[in-house]
Amino acid sequence: MRIITGKAKGKRLFTPGNLKIRPTSDKVREALFDVLGDLIINAYFLDLYAGTGAVAIEALSRGAKYAAIVEKNRAALKLIDNNLQHCGLADKAIVVAYDVKKALAKLSKYKLCYDIVYIDPPYKSDLLKDTLSLLVSNKLIKSQSIVIAEHPAKFDFECEKNNLFLYRQKKYGKTYLSFYRLI
């Protein structure tokens, strides 16, 4: 696993080894950032269920101003810290060591809205629907924000009930990326 482009281009990331986390592949990350394009420049980026931190680190490498990286697994947190240091991007990120529900509540106290949010919960969980709802209820996104959910199959989410709309969906192998905005 490596950083694809930007300030840390080509840097190899430390990988999970025997940890039970599934990093977003280079192919999916590259496709994601091709879709986002210049929207990443100076963006405030939020990475939820971050694993190795690869998505947030790629965002920072490509010009994001700041990243909040949320992960609760202690071993994964070490990987994220090591990867940020290795890529020279630790000064542009905060790593939040809580479960996502608690982290979103804490982050909302700063009254900061994120421009881009990436959500990649464990595939065999029901966390995605709750996480999308919590983003809205904690007021962490604004009308121009882009929320991207990574998931393994077609995903049914009650968008209107949660003030979000699905405006784009892409499939890469067995991985889907769904793009949302506030209504």
Protein backbone atom coordinates (compact mmCIF):
# COMPACT_ATOMS: atom_id res chain seq x y z
CA MET A 1 0.00 0.00 0.00
CA ARG A 2 1.36 3.39 -1.00
CA ILE A 3 0.42 7.04 -1.32
CA ILE A 4 -0.55 7.59 -4.94
CA THR A 5 0.20 11.27 -5.52
CA GLY A 6 0.92 14.62 -3.91
CA LYS A 7 3.41 15.64 -1.24
CA ALA A 8 3.92 12.06 0.02
CA LYS A 9 3.73 10.39 -3.41
CA GLY A 10 5.21 6.89 -3.47
CA LYS A 11 5.58 6.55 0.31
CA ARG A 12 4.81 3.01 1.40
CA LEU A 13 2.41 2.80 4.31
CA PHE A 14 2.73 0.48 7.25
CA THR A 15 0.13 -2.25 6.87
CA PRO A 16 -1.99 -4.09 9.40
CA GLY A 17 -0.30 -7.49 9.37
CA ASN A 18 -2.57 -9.70 11.46
CA LEU A 19 -5.01 -6.95 12.51
CA LYS A 20 -8.61 -7.50 11.49
CA ILE A 21 -8.87 -4.33 9.42
CA ARG A 22 -9.44 -4.05 5.69
CA PRO A 23 -7.53 -1.14 4.14
CA THR A 24 -9.08 0.65 1.18
CA SER A 25 -7.18 -0.57 -1.87
CA ASP A 26 -4.90 1.69 -3.91
CA LYS A 27 -7.29 1.22 -6.87
CA VAL A 28 -10.34 2.42 -4.92
CA ARG A 29 -8.42 5.32 -3.33
CA GLU A 30 -7.17 6.44 -6.72
CA ALA A 31 -10.70 6.28 -8.17
CA LEU A 32 -12.09 8.18 -5.17
CA PHE A 33 -9.62 11.03 -5.54
CA ASP A 34 -10.10 11.12 -9.31
CA VAL A 35 -13.79 11.82 -8.62
CA LEU A 36 -13.00 14.45 -5.95
CA GLY A 37 -10.34 16.16 -8.06
CA ASP A 38 -9.48 19.68 -6.90
CA LEU A 39 -12.24 19.65 -4.26
CA ILE A 40 -9.64 18.12 -1.93
CA ILE A 41 -7.47 21.27 -2.04
CA ASN A 42 -7.69 23.08 1.34
CA ALA A 43 -10.55 20.80 2.44
CA TYR A 44 -11.30 19.80 6.01
CA PHE A 45 -11.38 16.00 5.79
CA LEU A 46 -12.96 13.53 8.21
CA ASP A 47 -12.02 9.83 7.98
CA LEU A 48 -14.26 7.50 10.00
CA TYR A 49 -13.30 3.88 10.77
CA ALA A 50 -9.89 4.84 9.42
CA GLY A 51 -7.94 1.57 9.77
CA THR A 52 -4.44 2.47 8.56
CA GLY A 53 -5.37 6.10 7.87
CA ALA A 54 -4.53 5.65 4.18
CA VAL A 55 -7.54 7.60 2.87
CA ALA A 56 -6.95 10.62 5.11
CA ILE A 57 -3.20 10.53 4.46
CA GLU A 58 -3.86 10.46 0.71
CA ALA A 59 -6.19 13.46 1.16
CA LEU A 60 -3.50 15.38 3.06
CA SER A 61 -0.88 14.43 0.50
CA ARG A 62 -3.13 15.84 -2.24
CA GLY A 63 -3.62 19.18 -0.49
CA ALA A 64 -6.32 18.83 2.17
CA LYS A 65 -5.79 21.47 4.84
CA TYR A 66 -6.61 19.28 7.84
CA ALA A 67 -7.81 15.77 8.65
CA ALA A 68 -9.58 14.32 11.65
CA ILE A 69 -8.98 10.58 11.71
CA VAL A 70 -11.27 8.40 13.84
CA GLU A 71 -10.35 4.86 14.85
CA LYS A 72 -10.90 2.94 18.09
CA ASN A 73 -8.59 -0.06 17.56
CA ARG A 74 -5.40 0.61 19.58
CA ALA A 75 -3.10 -1.32 17.22
CA ALA A 76 -4.56 0.51 14.21
CA LEU A 77 -4.03 3.83 16.01
CA LYS A 78 -0.31 3.02 16.20
CA LEU A 79 -0.29 2.33 12.45
CA ILE A 80 -2.01 5.64 11.76
CA ASP A 81 0.46 7.57 13.91
CA ASN A 82 3.40 5.79 12.26
CA ASN A 83 2.00 6.42 8.77
CA LEU A 84 1.39 10.12 9.45
CA GLN A 85 4.95 10.53 10.78
CA HIS A 86 6.45 8.52 7.92
CA CYS A 87 4.66 10.71 5.36
CA GLY A 88 5.52 13.98 7.13
CA LEU A 89 1.85 14.88 7.62
CA ALA A 90 1.34 14.50 11.38
CA ASP A 91 1.09 18.26 11.90
CA LYS A 92 -2.02 18.44 9.67
CA ALA A 93 -4.03 15.73 11.41
CA ILE A 94 -5.69 14.88 14.66
CA VAL A 95 -6.24 11.23 15.53
CA VAL A 96 -9.35 10.61 17.61
CA ALA A 97 -9.16 7.36 19.60
CA TYR A 98 -12.85 6.70 20.24
CA ASP A 99 -15.66 4.74 18.68
CA VAL A 100 -17.33 6.79 15.95
CA LYS A 101 -20.49 7.67 17.90
CA LYS A 102 -18.50 9.16 20.79
CA ALA A 103 -15.97 10.79 18.42
CA LEU A 104 -18.67 12.56 16.41
CA ALA A 105 -20.25 13.92 19.58
CA LYS A 106 -16.83 15.22 20.74
CA LEU A 107 -15.96 16.69 17.33
CA SER A 108 -19.31 18.50 17.14
CA LYS A 109 -18.30 20.60 20.16
CA TYR A 110 -15.68 22.35 17.98
CA LYS A 111 -18.43 23.66 15.67
CA LEU A 112 -16.39 22.72 12.59
CA CYS A 113 -18.08 21.42 9.46
CA TYR A 114 -16.09 19.06 7.29
CA ASP A 115 -15.89 19.51 3.53
CA ILE A 116 -15.34 15.83 2.81
CA VAL A 117 -16.21 12.85 5.00
CA TYR A 118 -15.12 9.29 4.25
CA ILE A 119 -16.92 6.44 6.02
CA ASP A 120 -15.57 2.89 5.80
CA PRO A 121 -17.07 0.77 8.60
CA PRO A 122 -16.43 -2.95 8.91
CA TYR A 123 -18.30 -4.58 6.02
CA LYS A 124 -20.15 -7.09 8.21
CA SER A 125 -21.65 -4.44 10.47
CA ASP A 126 -24.76 -2.26 10.53
CA LEU A 127 -22.79 0.87 11.40
CA LEU A 128 -23.10 2.77 8.12
CA LYS A 129 -26.75 3.87 8.48
CA ASP A 130 -26.21 5.09 12.05
CA THR A 131 -23.00 6.89 11.09
CA LEU A 132 -24.66 8.76 8.22
CA SER A 133 -27.48 9.82 10.56
CA LEU A 134 -25.02 10.91 13.29
CA LEU A 135 -23.08 13.10 10.85
CA VAL A 136 -26.23 15.07 10.15
CA SER A 137 -27.54 15.18 13.73
CA ASN A 138 -24.15 16.32 15.08
CA LYS A 139 -24.04 19.09 12.45
CA LEU A 140 -20.61 18.08 11.14
CA ILE A 141 -21.46 18.70 7.48
CA LYS A 142 -22.86 21.62 5.51
CA SER A 143 -24.74 21.84 2.20
CA GLN A 144 -21.53 21.82 0.15
CA SER A 145 -20.02 18.86 2.03
CA ILE A 146 -19.47 15.55 0.30
CA VAL A 147 -19.99 12.35 2.27
CA ILE A 148 -18.57 9.18 0.76
CA ALA A 149 -19.51 5.74 2.08
CA GLU A 150 -17.52 2.64 1.18
CA HIS A 151 -19.55 -0.57 1.31
CA PRO A 152 -19.56 -4.07 -0.19
CA ALA A 153 -22.95 -4.19 -1.96
CA LYS A 154 -25.97 -2.13 -2.90
CA PHE A 155 -26.93 -0.17 0.17
CA ASP A 156 -30.42 0.96 1.11
CA PHE A 157 -30.38 4.15 3.16
CA GLU A 158 -33.41 6.32 3.94
CA CYS A 159 -31.84 9.45 2.52
CA GLU A 160 -34.73 11.90 2.73
CA LYS A 161 -35.48 10.95 6.34
CA ASN A 162 -31.87 11.83 7.16
CA ASN A 163 -31.66 14.98 5.00
CA LEU A 164 -29.13 13.44 2.63
CA PHE A 165 -29.39 12.54 -1.02
CA LEU A 166 -27.38 10.03 -2.99
CA TYR A 167 -26.02 11.77 -6.07
CA ARG A 168 -23.45 9.30 -7.33
CA GLN A 169 -22.52 5.67 -6.89
CA LYS A 170 -19.51 3.89 -8.36
CA LYS A 171 -18.53 0.22 -8.25
CA TYR A 172 -14.91 -0.96 -8.22
CA GLY A 173 -14.75 -4.75 -8.18
CA LYS A 174 -16.76 -5.75 -5.09
CA THR A 175 -16.49 -2.28 -3.52
CA TYR A 176 -19.08 0.47 -3.87
CA LEU A 177 -18.56 4.15 -3.18
CA SER A 178 -21.76 6.11 -2.54
CA PHE A 179 -21.61 9.92 -2.62
CA TYR A 180 -24.06 11.97 -0.55
CA ARG A 181 -24.87 15.63 0.08
CA LEU A 182 -27.30 17.38 2.38
CA ILE A 183 -30.73 18.09 0.93
